[in-house]
Amino acid sequence: MTKKFRPVVSETPQSRTTIRGRGASWSPANRFEKLHVDLNDPDVVDVDLETEERPRHGTQYFHDETKSLITRNNSPDVGFETSLNPYRGCEHGCIYCYARPTHEYLGFSAGLDFESKIMVKTNAAELLRAELELPRWQPQTLVMSGVTDPYQPVERKLRITRGCLEVLAKFRNPVAIITKNHLVTRDIDVLRDLAAHNAVAVNVSVTSLDSNLQRVLEPRTSSPGGRLDAIRQLRSAGIPTGVMVAPIIPGLTDHEVPNIVDACAKAGAQFAAYTIVRLPWAVAPLFEHWLAEHFPERKEKVLGRIRDLRGNQLNNSQWHTRMTGEGIFAEQISSMFAVSCRRNRMCARPKLSCASFQRSTTQLRLFG
């Protein structure tokens, strides 16, 4: 069998078929690579994709040899300056994920590679401990995760996120968590310790209450019911918990916003935020093809609405509007969200405290 190498191309393939349990059904060319191997090409994969079932696409895990864990940004749009990501790539497989193009920096594709080739930072807890011990670390809220979900499926086995939370609890350094996975409830004991020092908030991300849509939009995430249950459990444990209605996809999920806020409020959510779908780089053709596969009758409406929100483009990275869009549809979504929050008496996101921060070396210095 001879592998076929081709120049990078930008067009979206028209003959792909969906893969059970995956958001993407193909791997678009990496924009940084001159050569591209098309793993859906019959000359590369020994299967007739028109008559035979596609081979199961398993997940591979790789050690990430990073030497530091805390990352910084100066974006005026994200609401935080420091974050940490135990994983690179995300098996949740959300087709719209803005983080997909980050996998291209590793030589992978933003498509299937992003959700099936996962980099794991097995020494994350040790790296975090070392960085928090440094005198130059100024206590501040860390976000888990700024890019990929800290509670994707493999976390159940590897427990890297839990290890990081245990370090944060020891230092009493505040942390804000964003996740789509019910697995966050496993760590309620550690989160409760942080909550005692006003040092934690959990944001459960809910895109849709329609489980049929969720299964193809976010194939390996927890069900909508599972996320509502996570909110209930977290609040019952006294942990500050809110909802991220994110991303809102105009023409597909925007009509669900009031119901999502209502359901999460009934489950105990105290605060809420939202973002509009973003389609940077390879995410745009991936999302277009996904629409053609699953919602062909809505494709043009959805893409048209996104263009209306993005200055007649599928993506616009302009500061201050990239998270919420602009124009009449953006204003309608903003108003609908605000009314839903007022009706449910949602409060502002809590301000976490660094007052209890402590280093393990503090006592040693007293006698040094």
Protein backbone atom coordinates (compact mmCIF):
# COMPACT_ATOMS: atom_id res chain seq x y z
CA MET A 1 0.00 0.00 0.00
CA THR A 2 1.52 3.30 -1.10
CA LYS A 3 0.93 6.47 0.85
CA LYS A 4 -0.07 9.46 -1.19
CA PHE A 5 1.36 12.85 -0.23
CA ARG A 6 -0.48 15.88 -1.50
CA PRO A 7 0.01 19.64 -1.35
CA VAL A 8 -2.04 21.31 1.35
CA VAL A 9 -5.50 22.17 0.04
CA SER A 10 -8.19 24.34 1.57
CA GLU A 11 -11.38 22.97 0.09
CA THR A 12 -13.77 20.98 2.27
CA PRO A 13 -14.10 17.32 1.18
CA GLN A 14 -17.59 16.39 0.02
CA SER A 15 -17.49 12.60 0.41
CA ARG A 16 -16.81 12.17 4.12
CA THR A 17 -19.04 10.04 6.32
CA THR A 18 -19.67 10.58 10.02
CA ILE A 19 -17.68 8.63 12.61
CA ARG A 20 -19.56 7.42 15.65
CA GLY A 21 -18.32 9.17 18.79
CA ARG A 22 -16.39 11.84 16.90
CA GLY A 23 -17.26 15.44 16.14
CA ALA A 24 -15.04 15.75 13.08
CA SER A 25 -15.16 13.23 10.25
CA TRP A 26 -11.89 14.25 8.57
CA SER A 27 -8.58 15.98 9.16
CA PRO A 28 -8.09 19.17 7.18
CA ALA A 29 -4.59 20.13 6.13
CA ASN A 30 -2.37 21.69 8.79
CA ARG A 31 -1.79 25.30 7.72
CA PHE A 32 1.85 25.09 8.83
CA GLU A 33 2.70 21.90 6.91
CA LYS A 34 3.72 21.73 3.25
CA LEU A 35 2.67 18.11 2.88
CA HIS A 36 -0.61 16.57 3.91
CA VAL A 37 -1.59 12.91 4.31
CA ASP A 38 -5.30 12.40 3.75
CA LEU A 39 -6.22 9.48 5.99
CA ASN A 40 -9.61 9.22 4.32
CA ASP A 41 -8.03 8.61 0.92
CA PRO A 42 -8.66 5.00 -0.27
CA ASP A 43 -4.99 4.84 -1.30
CA VAL A 44 -4.01 5.38 2.34
CA VAL A 45 -6.82 3.64 4.25
CA ASP A 46 -7.45 0.16 2.93
CA VAL A 47 -11.26 0.33 2.98
CA ASP A 48 -13.96 1.27 0.49
CA LEU A 49 -15.61 4.17 2.29
CA GLU A 50 -18.71 3.94 0.10
CA THR A 51 -19.53 0.28 0.78
CA GLU A 52 -17.74 -0.63 4.01
CA GLU A 53 -17.97 0.66 7.55
CA ARG A 54 -15.17 3.02 8.45
CA PRO A 55 -12.58 1.53 10.87
CA ARG A 56 -12.98 2.60 14.47
CA HIS A 57 -10.91 5.71 15.11
CA GLY A 58 -9.27 5.10 18.49
CA THR A 59 -7.69 7.68 20.78
CA GLN A 60 -3.93 7.92 21.29
CA TYR A 61 -2.26 9.57 24.27
CA PHE A 62 1.20 11.15 24.25
CA HIS A 63 3.40 12.49 27.04
CA ASP A 64 3.69 16.26 26.93
CA GLU A 65 7.21 17.21 27.98
CA THR A 66 6.37 20.81 28.85
CA LYS A 67 8.63 22.45 31.44
CA SER A 68 6.07 24.95 32.74
CA LEU A 69 2.33 24.80 33.36
CA ILE A 70 0.93 28.26 34.01
CA THR A 71 0.17 30.25 30.87
CA ARG A 72 -0.57 33.96 30.58
CA ASN A 73 -2.58 36.09 28.21
CA ASN A 74 -3.33 39.79 27.83
CA SER A 75 -6.66 39.46 26.06
CA PRO A 76 -9.32 41.98 27.13
CA ASP A 77 -12.05 39.46 26.21
CA VAL A 78 -11.50 36.37 28.35
CA GLY A 79 -11.71 37.78 31.87
CA PHE A 80 -8.57 36.16 33.29
CA GLU A 81 -4.81 36.49 32.95
CA THR A 82 -3.48 33.08 34.01
CA SER A 83 -4.60 29.54 33.28
CA LEU A 84 -3.41 25.96 33.18
CA ASN A 85 -4.29 23.09 30.86
CA PRO A 86 -3.58 19.51 31.98
CA TYR A 87 -4.28 18.29 28.42
CA ARG A 88 -3.66 19.48 24.87
CA GLY A 89 -6.32 18.32 22.46
CA CYS A 90 -9.72 17.23 23.75
CA GLU A 91 -11.52 13.92 23.33
CA HIS A 92 -14.89 15.59 23.89
CA GLY A 93 -14.82 16.30 20.15
CA CYS A 94 -16.97 19.46 20.11
CA ILE A 95 -17.07 20.33 16.42
CA TYR A 96 -17.13 24.10 17.02
CA CYS A 97 -14.17 24.20 19.44
CA TYR A 98 -12.09 27.35 18.92
CA ALA A 99 -9.07 25.49 20.35
CA ARG A 100 -8.82 23.02 17.48
CA PRO A 101 -6.23 25.07 15.52
CA THR A 102 -3.85 24.96 18.51
CA HIS A 103 -3.16 21.33 17.60
CA GLU A 104 -1.59 22.50 14.37
CA TYR A 105 1.34 23.92 16.37
CA LEU A 106 2.14 20.29 17.28
CA GLY A 107 2.14 19.14 13.65
CA PHE A 108 -1.33 17.59 14.02
CA SER A 109 -4.62 18.41 12.34
CA ALA A 110 -7.40 20.51 13.82
CA GLY A 111 -9.87 17.79 12.78
CA LEU A 112 -9.75 14.19 13.95
CA ASP A 113 -6.24 14.61 15.36
CA PHE A 114 -7.44 17.23 17.85
CA GLU A 115 -9.90 14.82 19.44
CA SER A 116 -7.96 11.56 19.00
CA LYS A 117 -4.30 12.51 19.63
CA ILE A 118 -4.21 13.87 23.16
CA MET A 119 -1.12 15.29 24.85
CA VAL A 120 -1.16 14.59 28.60
CA LYS A 121 0.90 16.49 31.14
CA THR A 122 1.51 13.69 33.60
CA ASN A 123 3.81 15.86 35.73
CA ALA A 124 1.38 18.79 35.85
CA ALA A 125 0.90 18.73 39.63
CA GLU A 126 4.67 18.80 40.26
CA LEU A 127 5.15 21.65 37.78
CA LEU A 128 2.31 23.61 39.38
CA ARG A 129 3.69 23.10 42.88
CA ALA A 130 7.09 24.35 41.81
CA GLU A 131 5.66 27.44 40.11
CA LEU A 132 3.47 28.39 43.08
CA GLU A 133 6.48 28.09 45.40
CA LEU A 134 8.45 30.66 43.42
CA PRO A 135 8.68 34.07 45.15
CA ARG A 136 7.75 35.77 41.88
CA TRP A 137 4.34 34.08 41.79
CA GLN A 138 1.74 36.68 42.75
CA PRO A 139 -1.38 34.88 44.02
CA GLN A 140 -4.24 35.26 41.54
CA THR A 141 -7.09 33.22 40.13
CA LEU A 142 -6.01 30.41 37.83
CA VAL A 143 -8.49 29.14 35.25
CA MET A 144 -8.79 25.43 34.44
CA SER A 145 -8.79 25.25 31.54
CA GLY A 146 -8.28 28.18 29.25
CA VAL A 147 -8.13 25.98 26.18
CA THR A 148 -9.26 22.34 26.57
CA ASP A 149 -11.56 20.69 29.09
CA PRO A 150 -9.80 19.55 32.30
CA TYR A 151 -12.39 16.78 32.78
CA GLN A 152 -12.29 14.98 29.44
CA PRO A 153 -12.80 11.18 29.60
CA VAL A 154 -9.19 10.11 30.26
CA GLU A 155 -9.11 12.24 33.42
CA ARG A 156 -11.14 9.52 35.13
CA LYS A 157 -8.07 7.30 34.89
CA LEU A 158 -5.12 9.72 34.90
CA ARG A 159 -6.41 12.11 37.61
CA ILE A 160 -4.11 14.90 36.46
CA THR A 161 -6.71 17.61 37.04
CA ARG A 162 -7.40 16.28 40.52
CA GLY A 163 -3.68 16.35 41.31
CA CYS A 164 -3.54 20.02 40.28
CA LEU A 165 -6.58 20.83 42.42
CA GLU A 166 -4.95 19.17 45.42
CA VAL A 167 -1.91 21.41 44.95
CA LEU A 168 -4.11 24.50 44.62
CA ALA A 169 -5.99 23.50 47.79
CA LYS A 170 -2.71 23.11 49.68
CA PHE A 171 -1.63 26.60 48.61
CA ARG A 172 -5.18 27.96 48.89
CA ASN A 173 -4.73 29.57 45.50
CA PRO A 174 -8.07 30.46 43.89
CA VAL A 175 -9.19 28.57 40.80
CA ALA A 176 -12.09 28.90 38.36
CA ILE A 177 -13.09 25.74 36.48
CA ILE A 178 -14.89 25.48 33.14
CA THR A 179 -16.14 22.04 32.09
CA LYS A 180 -18.77 20.10 30.18
CA ASN A 181 -18.24 16.92 32.16
CA HIS A 182 -20.12 15.50 35.15
CA LEU A 183 -16.76 14.09 36.31
CA VAL A 184 -16.12 17.39 38.11
CA THR A 185 -18.36 16.05 40.90
CA ARG A 186 -15.72 13.42 41.71
CA ASP A 187 -13.56 16.21 43.17
CA ILE A 188 -16.19 17.79 45.39
CA ASP A 189 -14.08 17.01 48.47
CA VAL A 190 -11.15 19.11 47.21
CA LEU A 191 -13.43 21.82 45.82
CA ARG A 192 -15.15 22.08 49.20
CA ASP A 193 -11.78 22.73 50.86
CA LEU A 194 -11.11 25.56 48.39
CA ALA A 195 -14.63 26.95 48.84
CA ALA A 196 -13.97 27.31 52.57
CA HIS A 197 -11.44 30.01 51.63
CA ASN A 198 -13.58 31.60 48.89
CA ALA A 199 -11.06 30.21 46.43
CA VAL A 200 -13.11 28.30 43.84
CA ALA A 201 -15.92 28.72 41.32
CA VAL A 202 -17.14 26.12 38.83
CA ASN A 203 -18.68 27.03 35.49
CA VAL A 204 -20.62 24.19 33.87
CA SER A 205 -20.86 24.76 30.13
CA VAL A 206 -24.26 24.00 28.57
CA THR A 207 -24.75 24.41 24.83
CA SER A 208 -28.11 22.69 24.39
CA LEU A 209 -30.73 20.81 26.39
CA ASP A 210 -31.46 18.61 23.36
CA SER A 211 -29.60 15.33 23.96
CA ASN A 212 -29.93 14.32 20.30
CA LEU A 213 -28.17 17.51 19.22
CA GLN A 214 -25.59 17.21 22.02
CA ARG A 215 -24.57 13.72 20.89
CA VAL A 216 -23.51 14.91 17.43
CA LEU A 217 -22.38 18.42 18.41
CA GLU A 218 -20.32 17.40 21.47
CA PRO A 219 -20.12 13.60 21.15
CA ARG A 220 -18.05 12.64 24.22
CA THR A 221 -19.31 15.21 26.68
CA SER A 222 -21.77 14.58 29.49
CA SER A 223 -25.46 14.69 28.57
CA PRO A 224 -27.47 17.83 29.30
CA GLY A 225 -29.10 15.99 32.22
CA GLY A 226 -25.68 15.02 33.54
CA ARG A 227 -24.54 18.63 33.51
CA LEU A 228 -27.64 19.79 35.36
CA ASP A 229 -27.01 17.08 37.94
CA ALA A 230 -23.41 18.29 38.30
CA ILE A 231 -24.72 21.79 39.07
CA ARG A 232 -27.09 20.32 41.69
CA GLN A 233 -24.36 18.30 43.37
CA LEU A 234 -21.87 21.15 43.42
CA ARG A 235 -24.36 23.59 44.90
CA SER A 236 -25.49 21.05 47.49
CA ALA A 237 -21.85 20.88 48.58
CA GLY A 238 -21.70 24.68 48.98
CA ILE A 239 -19.46 25.25 45.95
CA PRO A 240 -20.12 28.45 43.96
CA THR A 241 -21.44 27.24 40.61
CA GLY A 242 -22.67 28.92 37.46
CA VAL A 243 -23.44 28.17 33.84
CA MET A 244 -21.61 29.07 30.65
CA VAL A 245 -24.19 29.16 27.86
CA ALA A 246 -21.49 28.57 25.33
CA PRO A 247 -21.20 28.72 22.54
CA ILE A 248 -24.52 30.04 21.31
CA ILE A 249 -24.90 28.98 17.67
CA PRO A 250 -27.32 31.31 15.86
CA GLY A 251 -29.94 29.44 13.86
CA LEU A 252 -29.23 26.23 15.77
CA THR A 253 -29.18 26.77 19.56
CA ASP A 254 -29.95 30.47 20.14
CA HIS A 255 -33.64 29.77 20.73
CA GLU A 256 -32.67 27.57 23.70
CA VAL A 257 -31.00 30.32 25.72
CA PRO A 258 -33.96 31.12 28.03
CA ASN A 259 -34.66 27.43 28.70
CA ILE A 260 -30.98 26.72 29.43
CA VAL A 261 -30.75 29.58 31.93
CA ASP A 262 -34.06 28.53 33.53
CA ALA A 263 -33.03 24.87 33.86
CA CYS A 264 -29.61 25.70 35.27
CA ALA A 265 -31.10 28.16 37.76
CA LYS A 266 -33.54 25.50 38.98
CA ALA A 267 -30.56 23.16 39.41
CA GLY A 268 -28.89 25.80 41.61
CA ALA A 269 -26.67 27.84 39.26
CA GLN A 270 -25.94 31.24 40.80
CA PHE A 271 -24.40 33.10 37.88
CA ALA A 272 -24.22 32.88 34.09
CA ALA A 273 -22.23 34.04 31.08
CA TYR A 274 -22.34 33.35 27.37
CA THR A 275 -20.25 33.46 24.20
CA ILE A 276 -21.14 33.30 20.50
CA VAL A 277 -19.63 30.55 18.37
CA ARG A 278 -16.20 31.35 16.91
CA LEU A 279 -14.81 29.62 13.82
CA PRO A 280 -11.09 30.44 13.50
CA TRP A 281 -8.89 28.90 10.82
CA ALA A 282 -9.72 25.22 10.14
CA VAL A 283 -12.75 25.28 12.45
CA ALA A 284 -14.79 27.05 9.75
CA PRO A 285 -14.56 24.29 7.09
CA LEU A 286 -14.95 21.61 9.77
CA PHE A 287 -18.13 23.25 11.04
CA GLU A 288 -19.48 23.83 7.53
CA HIS A 289 -19.00 20.18 6.69
CA TRP A 290 -20.56 19.09 9.98
CA LEU A 291 -23.66 21.14 9.17
CA ALA A 292 -23.87 19.51 5.75
CA GLU A 293 -23.65 16.06 7.39
CA HIS A 294 -26.15 16.59 10.19
CA PHE A 295 -28.31 19.63 9.40
CA PRO A 296 -28.20 20.23 5.65
CA GLU A 297 -31.56 22.01 5.70
CA ARG A 298 -30.25 24.54 8.25
CA LYS A 299 -26.74 24.97 6.90
CA GLU A 300 -27.24 28.20 4.93
CA LYS A 301 -29.35 29.79 7.66
CA VAL A 302 -26.78 29.05 10.36
CA LEU A 303 -23.82 30.23 8.28
CA GLY A 304 -25.75 33.31 7.19
CA ARG A 305 -26.52 34.26 10.79
CA ILE A 306 -22.89 33.77 11.79
CA ARG A 307 -21.80 36.04 8.95
CA ASP A 308 -24.32 38.66 10.10
CA LEU A 309 -22.69 38.54 13.55
CA ARG A 310 -19.14 38.61 12.19
CA GLY A 311 -19.05 41.42 9.65
CA ASN A 312 -20.01 39.17 6.73
CA GLN A 313 -17.31 36.64 7.66
CA LEU A 314 -17.42 33.26 9.38
CA ASN A 315 -14.90 34.54 11.92
CA ASN A 316 -13.77 37.92 13.16
CA SER A 317 -11.05 38.06 15.84
CA GLN A 318 -11.51 41.75 16.62
CA TRP A 319 -11.05 42.60 20.29
CA HIS A 320 -14.18 43.29 22.36
CA THR A 321 -16.63 41.75 19.88
CA ARG A 322 -15.18 38.32 19.09
CA MET A 323 -16.97 36.69 22.04
CA THR A 324 -20.37 38.32 21.52
CA GLY A 325 -20.54 39.34 17.87
CA GLU A 326 -22.06 42.59 16.62
CA GLY A 327 -25.17 43.76 14.81
CA ILE A 328 -28.89 43.22 15.31
CA PHE A 329 -28.71 39.46 15.98
CA ALA A 330 -25.96 39.98 18.56
CA GLU A 331 -28.12 42.59 20.28
CA GLN A 332 -31.12 40.25 20.29
CA ILE A 333 -29.09 37.43 21.87
CA SER A 334 -27.62 39.80 24.46
CA SER A 335 -31.06 41.11 25.41
CA MET A 336 -32.58 37.62 25.58
CA PHE A 337 -29.73 36.43 27.81
CA ALA A 338 -29.98 39.47 30.11
CA VAL A 339 -33.74 39.05 30.55
CA SER A 340 -33.30 35.34 31.32
CA CYS A 341 -30.70 36.13 33.98
CA ARG A 342 -32.85 38.82 35.59
CA ARG A 343 -35.87 36.54 35.66
CA ASN A 344 -33.82 33.89 37.47
CA ARG A 345 -32.08 36.41 39.74
CA MET A 346 -28.65 35.40 38.59
CA CYS A 347 -25.95 37.28 40.47
CA ALA A 348 -22.57 38.45 39.22
CA ARG A 349 -19.73 35.94 39.07
CA PRO A 350 -18.09 35.72 42.51
CA LYS A 351 -14.82 37.47 43.20
CA LEU A 352 -12.42 34.86 44.46
CA SER A 353 -10.02 35.65 47.28
CA CYS A 354 -6.25 35.30 47.52
CA ALA A 355 -6.25 36.27 51.20
CA SER A 356 -5.62 32.73 52.43
CA PHE A 357 -2.79 31.93 50.01
CA GLN A 358 0.14 30.16 51.68
CA ARG A 359 3.39 28.63 50.53
CA SER A 360 4.71 25.46 52.13
CA THR A 361 8.09 27.16 52.56
CA THR A 362 6.69 30.06 54.61
CA GLN A 363 7.37 28.42 58.00
CA LEU A 364 10.88 27.45 56.98
CA ARG A 365 11.74 31.04 56.15
CA LEU A 366 10.70 32.14 59.67
CA PHE A 367 13.55 30.11 61.09
CA GLY A 368 16.02 30.65 58.22
